[in-house]
C-alpha cells in the first residue's frame, strides 16, 4: 500500500482541478486520502503542481532503479513489486536511523 513520501508515476492522463496531468508524470505523495482511494501528489516532472489523483491512476516508482517508459504495461500490485517496496522502505528507514 502506498504511503506518504512514496514516489509515484501516473499510468494514464488524468484530468484534475489543476488541469490535465500527462501519463508518465512523476511526483511524491504528500497526503493519503481516507481508505487510500486518492492521494494528494506533488508532481515535479514534467509539470510542477500539487493535486488530488485517484489511487488507480498511479504506480509506485523505485527511485533506486531506472524509470519504466510511460507506455509500458504496468501491473501495480504483483508480489515482486510489493517486495521491492518493502525493501526500499527498510533501506530508507535504516538510512534515517543513521542520520
Protein backbone atom coordinates (compact mmCIF):
# COMPACT_ATOMS: atom_id res chain seq x y z
CA UNK A 1 0.00 0.00 0.00
CA UNK A 2 1.32 3.41 -0.88
CA UNK A 3 2.36 5.77 1.91
CA UNK A 4 3.18 9.43 2.35
CA UNK A 5 6.50 10.38 0.68
CA UNK A 6 6.41 7.43 -1.76
CA UNK A 7 7.46 8.28 -5.31
CA UNK A 8 4.76 7.55 -7.89
CA UNK A 9 4.10 7.81 -11.63
CA UNK A 10 0.81 8.38 -13.44
CA UNK A 11 -0.17 5.45 -15.66
CA UNK A 12 -2.73 7.43 -17.66
CA UNK A 13 -3.57 11.04 -18.48
CA UNK A 14 -5.52 12.39 -15.51
CA UNK A 15 -7.81 15.40 -15.55
CA UNK A 16 -7.60 17.22 -12.20
CA UNK A 17 -8.75 20.51 -10.74
CA UNK A 18 -5.27 21.82 -11.70
CA UNK A 19 -5.65 20.73 -15.33
CA UNK A 20 -4.59 17.69 -17.34
CA UNK A 21 -1.58 15.84 -15.93
CA UNK A 22 0.01 13.58 -18.60
CA UNK A 23 0.74 9.88 -18.19
CA UNK A 24 4.33 9.40 -17.05
CA UNK A 25 4.30 12.43 -14.74
CA UNK A 26 6.21 11.70 -11.54
CA UNK A 27 5.92 13.07 -8.04
CA UNK A 28 5.68 12.29 -4.33
CA UNK A 29 2.64 11.58 -2.20
CA UNK A 30 2.11 14.40 0.29
CA UNK A 31 -1.23 13.16 1.71
CA UNK A 32 -3.05 9.83 1.72
CA UNK A 33 -6.84 10.05 1.48
CA UNK A 34 -9.26 8.01 3.58
CA UNK A 35 -9.14 4.37 2.59
CA UNK A 36 -6.27 5.04 0.17
CA UNK A 37 -8.84 5.91 -2.52
CA UNK A 38 -6.95 9.05 -3.57
CA UNK A 39 -3.69 10.85 -2.91
CA UNK A 40 -2.50 14.42 -3.00
CA UNK A 41 0.64 14.25 -5.09
CA UNK A 42 3.22 16.93 -5.69
CA UNK A 43 4.34 16.37 -9.26
CA UNK A 44 7.76 17.59 -10.31
CA UNK A 45 8.18 16.10 -13.77
CA UNK A 46 7.07 17.21 -16.40
CA UNK A 47 4.84 19.70 -14.53
CA UNK A 48 5.17 21.19 -11.05
CA UNK A 49 1.78 21.06 -9.35
CA UNK A 50 0.18 19.50 -6.26
CA UNK A 51 -3.23 17.95 -6.88
CA UNK A 52 -5.56 15.10 -5.91
CA UNK A 53 -5.28 11.96 -8.01
CA UNK A 54 -7.27 8.69 -7.76
CA UNK A 55 -5.28 5.75 -6.42
CA UNK A 56 -5.85 3.61 -9.51
CA UNK A 57 -4.09 6.21 -11.68
CA UNK A 58 -0.65 5.85 -10.06
CA UNK A 59 2.04 3.22 -9.53
CA UNK A 60 4.98 3.21 -7.15
CA UNK A 61 8.37 4.21 -8.56
CA UNK A 62 11.56 2.72 -7.16
CA UNK A 63 13.99 5.66 -7.01
CA UNK A 64 16.94 3.22 -6.99
CA UNK A 65 16.10 1.76 -10.44
CA UNK A 66 15.83 3.39 -13.85
CA UNK A 67 12.38 4.66 -14.81
CA UNK A 68 9.97 2.50 -16.76
CA UNK A 69 8.79 4.10 -20.01
CA UNK A 70 5.32 5.64 -19.62
CA UNK A 71 3.93 3.49 -22.44
CA UNK A 72 4.99 0.25 -20.72
CA UNK A 73 2.27 -2.06 -19.46
CA UNK A 74 2.08 -1.59 -15.70
CA UNK A 75 0.69 -4.14 -13.25
CA UNK A 76 0.74 -2.25 -9.96
CA UNK A 77 0.38 -4.88 -7.25
CA UNK A 78 2.26 -8.01 -8.23
CA UNK A 79 4.14 -9.69 -5.35
CA UNK A 80 7.58 -8.72 -6.70
CA UNK A 81 6.61 -5.06 -6.66
CA UNK A 82 5.40 -5.35 -3.07
CA UNK A 83 8.75 -6.93 -2.16
CA UNK A 84 10.64 -4.05 -3.83
CA UNK A 85 8.51 -1.54 -1.95
CA UNK A 86 9.22 -3.28 1.37
CA UNK A 87 12.96 -3.48 0.66
CA UNK A 88 13.11 0.20 -0.32
CA UNK A 89 11.23 1.28 2.82
CA UNK A 90 13.54 -0.82 5.02
CA UNK A 91 16.58 0.78 3.39
CA UNK A 92 15.07 4.25 3.80
CA UNK A 93 14.32 3.64 7.50
CA UNK A 94 17.85 2.31 8.10
CA UNK A 95 19.31 5.41 6.44
CA UNK A 96 17.06 7.68 8.56
CA UNK A 97 18.37 5.97 11.72
CA UNK A 98 21.97 6.62 10.62
CA UNK A 99 21.25 10.33 10.16
